[in-house]
Structure formats: C-alpha cells, structure tokens
C-alpha cells in the first residue's frame, strides 16, 4: 500500500496486513517517523557528497600546481542529496 507523508510529501510503501489495525494517530506517527528517517538519510548522504567533493578538491590541488580539469570537475560535482534536502527545506517553510 502506497502512502505519502502530509508535510514533506514523501512517498513510501507499507504492507497492508501490518497496518490494518492502525488508527489515524498511528498512521500520523508512522508518517512522522518516515519523514525523520528520510531527512536523516538525506543529511548523511549530503555530508558524504560534500566530503567527497572536498577530497576531490584537495587531490586536485597537487603538490606543485593544481590540476585545472580535476578542480573544475570537483567544483561542478552535483550534490544530489544536498539539492533534495534544500528542496525539502523549502517545503517546510510553506
């Protein structure tokens, strides 16, 4: 069974047999837990992406001169989880 959290609009699935006796309050709590877990996962992934980018920048510095192409690639690295996290922040302000 597909569900969508009301606040952040996160889609997730549950086994209908496991939630057949859930009250609206229990579903609300489940939705809250899904949102917290999702945001926590995105924060972790975003932090990992930033660390990877920083490591790539450090490696591009070189001992005597920077590798311009590697530096350009590192600085333009897409931080997908960070972008999704920023988009969620916009939803929480609405």
PDB file of N, CA and C in Angstrom:
ATOM      1  N   UNK A   1       0.855  -1.170   0.000  1.00  0.00           N
ATOM      2  CA  UNK A   1       0.000   0.000   0.000  1.00  0.00           C
ATOM      3  C   UNK A   1       0.903   1.236   0.000  1.00  0.00           C
ATOM      4  N   UNK A   2       0.645   2.142  -0.927  1.00  0.00           N
ATOM      5  CA  UNK A   2       1.438   3.363  -1.010  1.00  0.00           C
ATOM      6  C   UNK A   2       0.844   4.426  -0.100  1.00  0.00           C
ATOM      7  N   UNK A   3       1.750   5.164   0.547  1.00  0.00           N
ATOM      8  CA  UNK A   3       1.351   6.302   1.377  1.00  0.00           C
ATOM      9  C   UNK A   3       2.241   7.483   1.032  1.00  0.00           C
ATOM     10  N   UNK A   4       1.751   8.662   1.348  1.00  0.00           N
ATOM     11  CA  UNK A   4       2.522   9.886   1.161  1.00  0.00           C
ATOM     12  C   UNK A   4       2.410  10.684   2.443  1.00  0.00           C
ATOM     13  N   UNK A   5       3.550  11.118   2.947  1.00  0.00           N
ATOM     14  CA  UNK A   5       3.512  11.900   4.183  1.00  0.00           C
ATOM     15  C   UNK A   5       2.886  13.252   3.898  1.00  0.00           C
ATOM     16  N   UNK A   6       2.096  13.776   4.837  1.00  0.00           N
ATOM     17  CA  UNK A   6       1.371  15.026   4.571  1.00  0.00           C
ATOM     18  C   UNK A   6       2.257  16.269   4.491  1.00  0.00           C
ATOM     19  N   UNK A   7       3.303  16.327   5.282  1.00  0.00           N
ATOM     20  CA  UNK A   7       4.108  17.545   5.353  1.00  0.00           C
ATOM     21  C   UNK A   7       5.134  17.644   4.214  1.00  0.00           C
ATOM     22  N   UNK A   8       5.971  16.617   4.057  1.00  0.00           N
ATOM     23  CA  UNK A   8       7.053  16.664   3.080  1.00  0.00           C
ATOM     24  C   UNK A   8       6.721  15.944   1.773  1.00  0.00           C
ATOM     25  N   UNK A   9       5.559  15.306   1.725  1.00  0.00           N
ATOM     26  CA  UNK A   9       5.124  14.589   0.520  1.00  0.00           C
ATOM     27  C   UNK A   9       6.099  13.479   0.114  1.00  0.00           C
ATOM     28  N   UNK A  10       6.605  12.733   1.102  1.00  0.00           N
ATOM     29  CA  UNK A  10       7.500  11.606   0.856  1.00  0.00           C
ATOM     30  C   UNK A  10       6.631  10.376   0.586  1.00  0.00           C
ATOM     31  N   UNK A  11       6.854   9.733  -0.553  1.00  0.00           N
ATOM     32  CA  UNK A  11       6.126   8.509  -0.878  1.00  0.00           C
ATOM     33  C   UNK A  11       6.830   7.315  -0.252  1.00  0.00           C
ATOM     34  N   UNK A  12       6.031   6.406   0.297  1.00  0.00           N
ATOM     35  CA  UNK A  12       6.582   5.167   0.841  1.00  0.00           C
ATOM     36  C   UNK A  12       5.518   4.089   0.788  1.00  0.00           C
ATOM     37  N   UNK A  13       5.953   2.866   1.019  1.00  0.00           N
ATOM     38  CA  UNK A  13       5.050   1.724   0.933  1.00  0.00           C
ATOM     39  C   UNK A  13       5.051   0.952   2.244  1.00  0.00           C
ATOM     40  N   UNK A  14       3.889   0.409   2.588  1.00  0.00           N
ATOM     41  CA  UNK A  14       3.749  -0.435   3.771  1.00  0.00           C
ATOM     42  C   UNK A  14       2.970  -1.688   3.378  1.00  0.00           C
ATOM     43  N   UNK A  15       3.184  -2.722   4.146  1.00  0.00           N
ATOM     44  CA  UNK A  15       2.431  -3.954   3.957  1.00  0.00           C
ATOM     45  C   UNK A  15       1.047  -3.736   4.575  1.00  0.00           C
ATOM     46  N   UNK A  16      -0.021  -3.829   3.781  1.00  0.00           N
ATOM     47  CA  UNK A  16      -1.369  -3.569   4.307  1.00  0.00           C
ATOM     48  C   UNK A  16      -1.723  -4.439   5.510  1.00  0.00           C
ATOM     49  N   UNK A  17      -1.229  -5.662   5.533  1.00  0.00           N
ATOM     50  CA  UNK A  17      -1.534  -6.541   6.664  1.00  0.00           C
ATOM     51  C   UNK A  17      -0.895  -6.051   7.964  1.00  0.00           C
ATOM     52  N   UNK A  18       0.230  -5.348   7.835  1.00  0.00           N
ATOM     53  CA  UNK A  18       0.918  -4.856   9.027  1.00  0.00           C
ATOM     54  C   UNK A  18       0.273  -3.596   9.602  1.00  0.00           C
ATOM     55  N   UNK A  19      -0.551  -2.925   8.820  1.00  0.00           N
ATOM     56  CA  UNK A  19      -1.153  -1.669   9.288  1.00  0.00           C
ATOM     57  C   UNK A  19      -2.677  -1.711   9.301  1.00  0.00           C
ATOM     58  N   UNK A  20      -3.256  -2.887   9.153  1.00  0.00           N
ATOM     59  CA  UNK A  20      -4.716  -2.971   9.063  1.00  0.00           C
ATOM     60  C   UNK A  20      -5.430  -2.513  10.328  1.00  0.00           C
ATOM     61  N   UNK A  21      -4.766  -2.580  11.469  1.00  0.00           N
ATOM     62  CA  UNK A  21      -5.405  -2.135  12.714  1.00  0.00           C
ATOM     63  C   UNK A  21      -4.907  -0.755  13.162  1.00  0.00           C
ATOM     64  N   UNK A  22      -4.225  -0.034  12.269  1.00  0.00           N
ATOM     65  CA  UNK A  22      -3.699   1.286  12.623  1.00  0.00           C
ATOM     66  C   UNK A  22      -4.836   2.305  12.729  1.00  0.00           C
ATOM     67  N   UNK A  23      -4.746   3.122  13.748  1.00  0.00           N
ATOM     68  CA  UNK A  23      -5.662   4.244  13.916  1.00  0.00           C
ATOM     69  C   UNK A  23      -5.075   5.444  13.153  1.00  0.00           C
ATOM     70  N   UNK A  24      -5.855   6.490  12.956  1.00  0.00           N
ATOM     71  CA  UNK A  24      -5.292   7.686  12.315  1.00  0.00           C
ATOM     72  C   UNK A  24      -4.063   8.216  13.071  1.00  0.00           C
ATOM     73  N   UNK A  25      -4.096   8.111  14.382  1.00  0.00           N
ATOM     74  CA  UNK A  25      -2.937   8.563  15.182  1.00  0.00           C
ATOM     75  C   UNK A  25      -1.696   7.726  14.877  1.00  0.00           C
ATOM     76  N   UNK A  26      -1.869   6.414  14.751  1.00  0.00           N
ATOM     77  CA  UNK A  26      -0.745   5.531  14.433  1.00  0.00           C
ATOM     78  C   UNK A  26      -0.191   5.844  13.047  1.00  0.00           C
ATOM     79  N   UNK A  27      -1.074   6.114  12.082  1.00  0.00           N
ATOM     80  CA  UNK A  27      -0.612   6.493  10.748  1.00  0.00           C
ATOM     81  C   UNK A  27       0.142   7.817  10.789  1.00  0.00           C
ATOM     82  N   UNK A  28      -0.343   8.739  11.587  1.00  0.00           N
ATOM     83  CA  UNK A  28       0.346  10.025  11.743  1.00  0.00           C
ATOM     84  C   UNK A  28       1.753   9.798  12.294  1.00  0.00           C
ATOM     85  N   UNK A  29       1.857   8.951  13.317  1.00  0.00           N
ATOM     86  CA  UNK A  29       3.168   8.652  13.906  1.00  0.00           C
ATOM     87  C   UNK A  29       4.082   7.963  12.897  1.00  0.00           C
ATOM     88  N   UNK A  30       3.518   7.058  12.116  1.00  0.00           N
ATOM     89  CA  UNK A  30       4.293   6.380  11.076  1.00  0.00           C
ATOM     90  C   UNK A  30       4.796   7.391  10.048  1.00  0.00           C
ATOM     91  N   UNK A  31       3.922   8.278   9.612  1.00  0.00           N
ATOM     92  CA  UNK A  31       4.322   9.318   8.657  1.00  0.00           C
ATOM     93  C   UNK A  31       5.455  10.176   9.216  1.00  0.00           C
ATOM     94  N   UNK A  32       5.336  10.540  10.480  1.00  0.00           N
ATOM     95  CA  UNK A  32       6.381  11.348  11.114  1.00  0.00           C
ATOM     96  C   UNK A  32       7.709  10.613  11.125  1.00  0.00           C
ATOM     97  N   UNK A  33       7.667   9.333  11.455  1.00  0.00           N
ATOM     98  CA  UNK A  33       8.888   8.522  11.515  1.00  0.00           C
ATOM     99  C   UNK A  33       9.527   8.408  10.129  1.00  0.00           C
ATOM    100  N   UNK A  34       8.705   8.216   9.120  1.00  0.00           N
ATOM    101  CA  UNK A  34       9.214   8.125   7.749  1.00  0.00           C
ATOM    102  C   UNK A  34       9.911   9.432   7.368  1.00  0.00           C
ATOM    103  N   UNK A  35       9.301  10.556   7.699  1.00  0.00           N
ATOM    104  CA  UNK A  35       9.910  11.849   7.372  1.00  0.00           C
ATOM    105  C   UNK A  35      11.234  12.049   8.094  1.00  0.00           C
ATOM    106  N   UNK A  36      11.271  11.722   9.373  1.00  0.00           N
ATOM    107  CA  UNK A  36      12.509  11.870  10.151  1.00  0.00           C
ATOM    108  C   UNK A  36      13.606  10.983   9.567  1.00  0.00           C
ATOM    109  N   UNK A  37      13.265   9.730   9.279  1.00  0.00           N
ATOM    110  CA  UNK A  37      14.252   8.809   8.713  1.00  0.00           C
ATOM    111  C   UNK A  37      14.738   9.274   7.350  1.00  0.00           C
ATOM    112  N   UNK A  38      13.829   9.776   6.528  1.00  0.00           N
ATOM    113  CA  UNK A  38      14.187  10.242   5.192  1.00  0.00           C
ATOM    114  C   UNK A  38      15.131  11.445   5.261  1.00  0.00           C
ATOM    115  N   UNK A  39      14.808  12.404   6.106  1.00  0.00           N
ATOM    116  CA  UNK A  39      15.653  13.593   6.241  1.00  0.00           C
ATOM    117  C   UNK A  39      17.019  13.214   6.822  1.00  0.00           C
ATOM    118  N   UNK A  40      17.036  12.317   7.786  1.00  0.00           N
ATOM    119  CA  UNK A  40      18.300  11.861   8.364  1.00  0.00           C
ATOM    120  C   UNK A  40      19.174  11.206   7.300  1.00  0.00           C
ATOM    121  N   UNK A  41      18.564  10.368   6.473  1.00  0.00           N
ATOM    122  CA  UNK A  41      19.295   9.701   5.391  1.00  0.00           C
ATOM    123  C   UNK A  41      19.840  10.728   4.406  1.00  0.00           C
ATOM    124  N   UNK A  42      19.029  11.712   4.030  1.00  0.00           N
ATOM    125  CA  UNK A  42      19.492  12.748   3.100  1.00  0.00           C
ATOM    126  C   UNK A  42      20.631  13.566   3.696  1.00  0.00           C
ATOM    127  N   UNK A  43      20.540  13.886   4.971  1.00  0.00           N
ATOM    128  CA  UNK A  43      21.627  14.648   5.618  1.00  0.00           C
ATOM    129  C   UNK A  43      22.935  13.869   5.583  1.00  0.00           C
ATOM    130  N   UNK A  44      22.851  12.584   5.881  1.00  0.00           N
ATOM    131  CA  UNK A  44      24.039  11.742   5.860  1.00  0.00           C
ATOM    132  C   UNK A  44      24.627  11.686   4.444  1.00  0.00           C
ATOM    133  N   UNK A  45      23.758  11.449   3.455  1.00  0.00           N
ATOM    134  CA  UNK A  45      24.228  11.376   2.072  1.00  0.00           C
ATOM    135  C   UNK A  45      24.802  12.708   1.599  1.00  0.00           C
ATOM    136  N   UNK A  46      24.177  13.808   1.992  1.00  0.00           N
ATOM    137  CA  UNK A  46      24.666  15.134   1.623  1.00  0.00           C
ATOM    138  C   UNK A  46      26.056  15.363   2.224  1.00  0.00           C
ATOM    139  N   UNK A  47      26.201  15.021   3.486  1.00  0.00           N
ATOM    140  CA  UNK A  47      27.505  15.170   4.146  1.00  0.00           C
ATOM    141  C   UNK A  47      28.568  14.343   3.427  1.00  0.00           C
ATOM    142  N   UNK A  48      28.212  13.137   3.017  1.00  0.00           N
ATOM    143  CA  UNK A  48      29.155  12.279   2.292  1.00  0.00           C
ATOM    144  C   UNK A  48      29.531  12.893   0.945  1.00  0.00           C
ATOM    145  N   UNK A  49      28.542  13.458   0.252  1.00  0.00           N
ATOM    146  CA  UNK A  49      28.814  14.101  -1.031  1.00  0.00           C
ATOM    147  C   UNK A  49      29.745  15.297  -0.862  1.00  0.00           C
ATOM    148  N   UNK A  50      29.514  16.098   0.162  1.00  0.00           N
ATOM    149  CA  UNK A  50      30.361  17.269   0.410  1.00  0.00           C
ATOM    150  C   UNK A  50      31.779  16.823   0.749  1.00  0.00           C
ATOM    151  N   UNK A  51      31.912  15.792   1.562  1.00  0.00           N
ATOM    152  CA  UNK A  51      33.242  15.286   1.902  1.00  0.00           C
ATOM    153  C   UNK A  51      33.968  14.760   0.673  1.00  0.00           C
ATOM    154  N   UNK A  52      33.230  14.068  -0.206  1.00  0.00           N
ATOM    155  CA  UNK A  52      33.837  13.559  -1.439  1.00  0.00           C
ATOM    156  C   UNK A  52      34.298  14.708  -2.320  1.00  0.00           C
ATOM    157  N   UNK A  53      33.458  15.735  -2.453  1.00  0.00           N
ATOM    158  CA  UNK A  53      33.834  16.895  -3.252  1.00  0.00           C
ATOM    159  C   UNK A  53      35.071  17.589  -2.669  1.00  0.00           C
ATOM    160  N   UNK A  54      35.083  17.755  -1.347  1.00  0.00           N
ATOM    161  CA  UNK A  54      36.235  18.391  -0.697  1.00  0.00           C
ATOM    162  C   UNK A  54      37.515  17.581  -0.901  1.00  0.00           C
ATOM    163  N   UNK A  55      37.381  16.257  -0.839  1.00  0.00           N
ATOM    164  CA  UNK A  55      38.530  15.380  -1.048  1.00  0.00           C
ATOM    165  C   UNK A  55      39.025  15.517  -2.494  1.00  0.00           C
ATOM    166  N   UNK A  56      38.094  15.593  -3.437  1.00  0.00           N
ATOM    167  CA  UNK A  56      38.469  15.768  -4.843  1.00  0.00           C
ATOM    168  C   UNK A  56      39.178  17.106  -5.053  1.00  0.00           C
ATOM    169  N   UNK A  57      38.715  18.144  -4.378  1.00  0.00           N
ATOM    170  CA  UNK A  57      39.363  19.460  -4.479  1.00  0.00           C
ATOM    171  C   UNK A  57      40.768  19.400  -3.914  1.00  0.00           C
ATOM    172  N   UNK A  58      40.927  18.752  -2.780  1.00  0.00           N
ATOM    173  CA  UNK A  58      42.260  18.623  -2.171  1.00  0.00           C
ATOM    174  C   UNK A  58      43.202  17.860  -3.094  1.00  0.00           C
ATOM    175  N   UNK A  59      42.688  16.772  -3.693  1.00  0.00           N
ATOM    176  CA  UNK A  59      43.532  15.993  -4.600  1.00  0.00           C
ATOM    177  C   UNK A  59      43.891  16.795  -5.839  1.00  0.00           C
ATOM    178  N   UNK A  60      43.018  17.674  -6.286  1.00  0.00           N
ATOM    179  CA  UNK A  60      43.276  18.482  -7.475  1.00  0.00           C
ATOM    180  C   UNK A  60      44.295  19.583  -7.199  1.00  0.00           C
ATOM    181  N   UNK A  61      44.485  19.926  -5.918  1.00  0.00           N
ATOM    182  CA  UNK A  61      45.448  20.981  -5.564  1.00  0.00           C
ATOM    183  C   UNK A  61      46.854  20.607  -6.031  1.00  0.00           C
ATOM    184  N   UNK A  62      47.238  19.347  -5.858  1.00  0.00           N
ATOM    185  CA  UNK A  62      48.572  18.899  -6.267  1.00  0.00           C
ATOM    186  C   UNK A  62      49.659  19.473  -5.370  1.00  0.00           C
ATOM    187  N   UNK A  63      50.865  18.934  -5.530  1.00  0.00           N
ATOM    188  CA  UNK A  63      51.995  19.403  -4.713  1.00  0.00           C
ATOM    189  C   UNK A  63      52.568  20.706  -5.238  1.00  0.00           C
ATOM    190  N   UNK A  64      52.674  20.816  -6.552  1.00  0.00           N
ATOM    191  CA  UNK A  64      53.338  21.979  -7.126  1.00  0.00           C
ATOM    192  C   UNK A  64      52.388  22.886  -7.909  1.00  0.00           C
ATOM    193  N   UNK A  65      51.368  22.302  -8.500  1.00  0.00           N
ATOM    194  CA  UNK A  65      50.398  23.108  -9.248  1.00  0.00           C
ATOM    195  C   UNK A  65      49.076  22.346  -9.290  1.00  0.00           C
ATOM    196  N   UNK A  66      47.983  23.087  -9.356  1.00  0.00           N
ATOM    197  CA  UNK A  66      46.667  22.422  -9.378  1.00  0.00           C
ATOM    198  C   UNK A  66      46.365  21.812 -10.743  1.00  0.00           C
ATOM    199  N   UNK A  67      45.598  20.741 -10.719  1.00  0.00           N
ATOM    200  CA  UNK A  67      45.088  20.131 -11.942  1.00  0.00           C
ATOM    201  C   UNK A  67      43.767  20.832 -12.248  1.00  0.00           C
ATOM    202  N   UNK A  68      43.800  21.722 -13.214  1.00  0.00           N
ATOM    203  CA  UNK A  68      42.661  22.585 -13.524  1.00  0.00           C
ATOM    204  C   UNK A  68      41.416  21.770 -13.873  1.00  0.00           C
ATOM    205  N   UNK A  69      41.572  20.727 -14.659  1.00  0.00           N
ATOM    206  CA  UNK A  69      40.423  19.912 -15.063  1.00  0.00           C
ATOM    207  C   UNK A  69      39.806  19.178 -13.875  1.00  0.00           C
ATOM    208  N   UNK A  70      40.654  18.609 -13.025  1.00  0.00           N
ATOM    209  CA  UNK A  70      40.141  17.918 -11.835  1.00  0.00           C
ATOM    210  C   UNK A  70      39.462  18.904 -10.893  1.00  0.00           C
ATOM    211  N   UNK A  71      40.030  20.091 -10.768  1.00  0.00           N
ATOM    212  CA  UNK A  71      39.448  21.115  -9.901  1.00  0.00           C
ATOM    213  C   UNK A  71      38.072  21.527 -10.440  1.00  0.00           C
ATOM    214  N   UNK A  72      37.986  21.710 -11.740  1.00  0.00           N
ATOM    215  CA  UNK A  72      36.723  22.085 -12.365  1.00  0.00           C
ATOM    216  C   UNK A  72      35.671  20.988 -12.152  1.00  0.00           C
ATOM    217  N   UNK A  73      36.076  19.735 -12.323  1.00  0.00           N
ATOM    218  CA  UNK A  73      35.162  18.603 -12.122  1.00  0.00           C
ATOM    219  C   UNK A  73      34.698  18.534 -10.668  1.00  0.00           C
ATOM    220  N   UNK A  74      35.613  18.753  -9.746  1.00  0.00           N
ATOM    221  CA  UNK A  74      35.272  18.690  -8.322  1.00  0.00           C
ATOM    222  C   UNK A  74      34.293  19.807  -7.953  1.00  0.00           C
ATOM    223  N   UNK A  75      34.552  21.003  -8.422  1.00  0.00           N
ATOM    224  CA  UNK A  75      33.696  22.143  -8.081  1.00  0.00           C
ATOM    225  C   UNK A  75      32.322  22.062  -8.742  1.00  0.00           C
ATOM    226  N   UNK A  76      32.236  21.366  -9.863  1.00  0.00           N
ATOM    227  CA  UNK A  76      30.945  21.255 -10.538  1.00  0.00           C
ATOM    228  C   UNK A  76      30.219  19.955 -10.190  1.00  0.00           C
ATOM    229  N   UNK A  77      30.778  19.210  -9.258  1.00  0.00           N
ATOM    230  CA  UNK A  77      30.164  17.939  -8.856  1.00  0.00           C
ATOM    231  C   UNK A  77      28.747  18.182  -8.350  1.00  0.00           C
ATOM    232  N   UNK A  78      27.822  17.382  -8.859  1.00  0.00           N
ATOM    233  CA  UNK A  78      26.430  17.525  -8.449  1.00  0.00           C
ATOM    234  C   UNK A  78      26.226  16.881  -7.075  1.00  0.00           C
ATOM    235  N   UNK A  79      25.647  17.647  -6.167  1.00  0.00           N
ATOM    236  CA  UNK A  79      25.358  17.163  -4.816  1.00  0.00           C
ATOM    237  C   UNK A  79      23.853  16.872  -4.748  1.00  0.00           C
ATOM    238  N   UNK A  80      23.467  15.696  -5.258  1.00  0.00           N
ATOM    239  CA  UNK A  80      22.049  15.360  -5.410  1.00  0.00           C
ATOM    240  C   UNK A  80      21.291  15.354  -4.089  1.00  0.00           C
ATOM    241  N   UNK A  81      21.876  14.719  -3.082  1.00  0.00           N
ATOM    242  CA  UNK A  81      21.183  14.640  -1.788  1.00  0.00           C
ATOM    243  C   UNK A  81      21.070  16.013  -1.148  1.00  0.00           C
ATOM    244  N   UNK A  82      22.089  16.828  -1.298  1.00  0.00           N
ATOM    245  CA  UNK A  82      22.046  18.191  -0.751  1.00  0.00           C
ATOM    246  C   UNK A  82      20.949  19.000  -1.440  1.00  0.00           C
ATOM    247  N   UNK A  83      20.827  18.809  -2.767  1.00  0.00           N
ATOM    248  CA  UNK A  83      19.786  19.515  -3.515  1.00  0.00           C
ATOM    249  C   UNK A  83      18.395  19.072  -3.053  1.00  0.00           C
ATOM    250  N   UNK A  84      18.212  17.756  -2.855  1.00  0.00           N
ATOM    251  CA  UNK A  84      16.911  17.259  -2.378  1.00  0.00           C
ATOM    252  C   UNK A  84      16.613  17.783  -0.982  1.00  0.00           C
ATOM    253  N   UNK A  85      17.642  17.836  -0.133  1.00  0.00           N
ATOM    254  CA  UNK A  85      17.469  18.344   1.223  1.00  0.00           C
ATOM    255  C   UNK A  85      17.076  19.819   1.197  1.00  0.00           C
ATOM    256  N   UNK A  86      17.711  20.592   0.342  1.00  0.00           N
ATOM    257  CA  UNK A  86      17.348  22.011   0.204  1.00  0.00           C
ATOM    258  C   UNK A  86      15.912  22.165  -0.284  1.00  0.00           C
ATOM    259  N   UNK A  87      15.499  21.300  -1.210  1.00  0.00           N
ATOM    260  CA  UNK A  87      14.128  21.357  -1.712  1.00  0.00           C
ATOM    261  C   UNK A  87      13.142  21.047  -0.582  1.00  0.00           C
ATOM    262  N   UNK A  88      13.479  20.103   0.290  1.00  0.00           N
ATOM    263  CA  UNK A  88      12.610  19.777   1.418  1.00  0.00           C
ATOM    264  C   UNK A  88      12.510  20.938   2.401  1.00  0.00           C
ATOM    265  N   UNK A  89      13.621  21.649   2.582  1.00  0.00           N
ATOM    266  CA  UNK A  89      13.602  22.812   3.474  1.00  0.00           C
ATOM    267  C   UNK A  89      12.604  23.844   2.970  1.00  0.00           C
ATOM    268  N   UNK A  90      12.522  23.980   1.642  1.00  0.00           N
ATOM    269  CA  UNK A  90      11.542  24.897   1.059  1.00  0.00           C
ATOM    270  C   UNK A  90      10.115  24.473   1.352  1.00  0.00           C
ATOM    271  N   UNK A  91       9.879  23.165   1.395  1.00  0.00           N
ATOM    272  CA  UNK A  91       8.543  22.655   1.699  1.00  0.00           C
ATOM    273  C   UNK A  91       8.161  22.904   3.154  1.00  0.00           C
ATOM    274  N   UNK A  92       9.138  22.867   4.050  1.00  0.00           N
ATOM    275  CA  UNK A  92       8.826  23.054   5.469  1.00  0.00           C
ATOM    276  C   UNK A  92       8.527  24.513   5.784  1.00  0.00           C
ATOM    277  N   UNK A  93       9.009  25.437   4.931  1.00  0.00           N
ATOM    278  CA  UNK A  93       8.737  26.867   5.162  1.00  0.00           C
ATOM    279  C   UNK A  93       7.355  27.242   4.654  1.00  0.00           C
ATOM    280  N   UNK A  94       6.794  26.441   3.771  1.00  0.00           N
ATOM    281  CA  UNK A  94       5.489  26.770   3.185  1.00  0.00           C
ATOM    282  C   UNK A  94       4.373  26.571   4.186  1.00  0.00           C
TER     283      UNK A  94
END
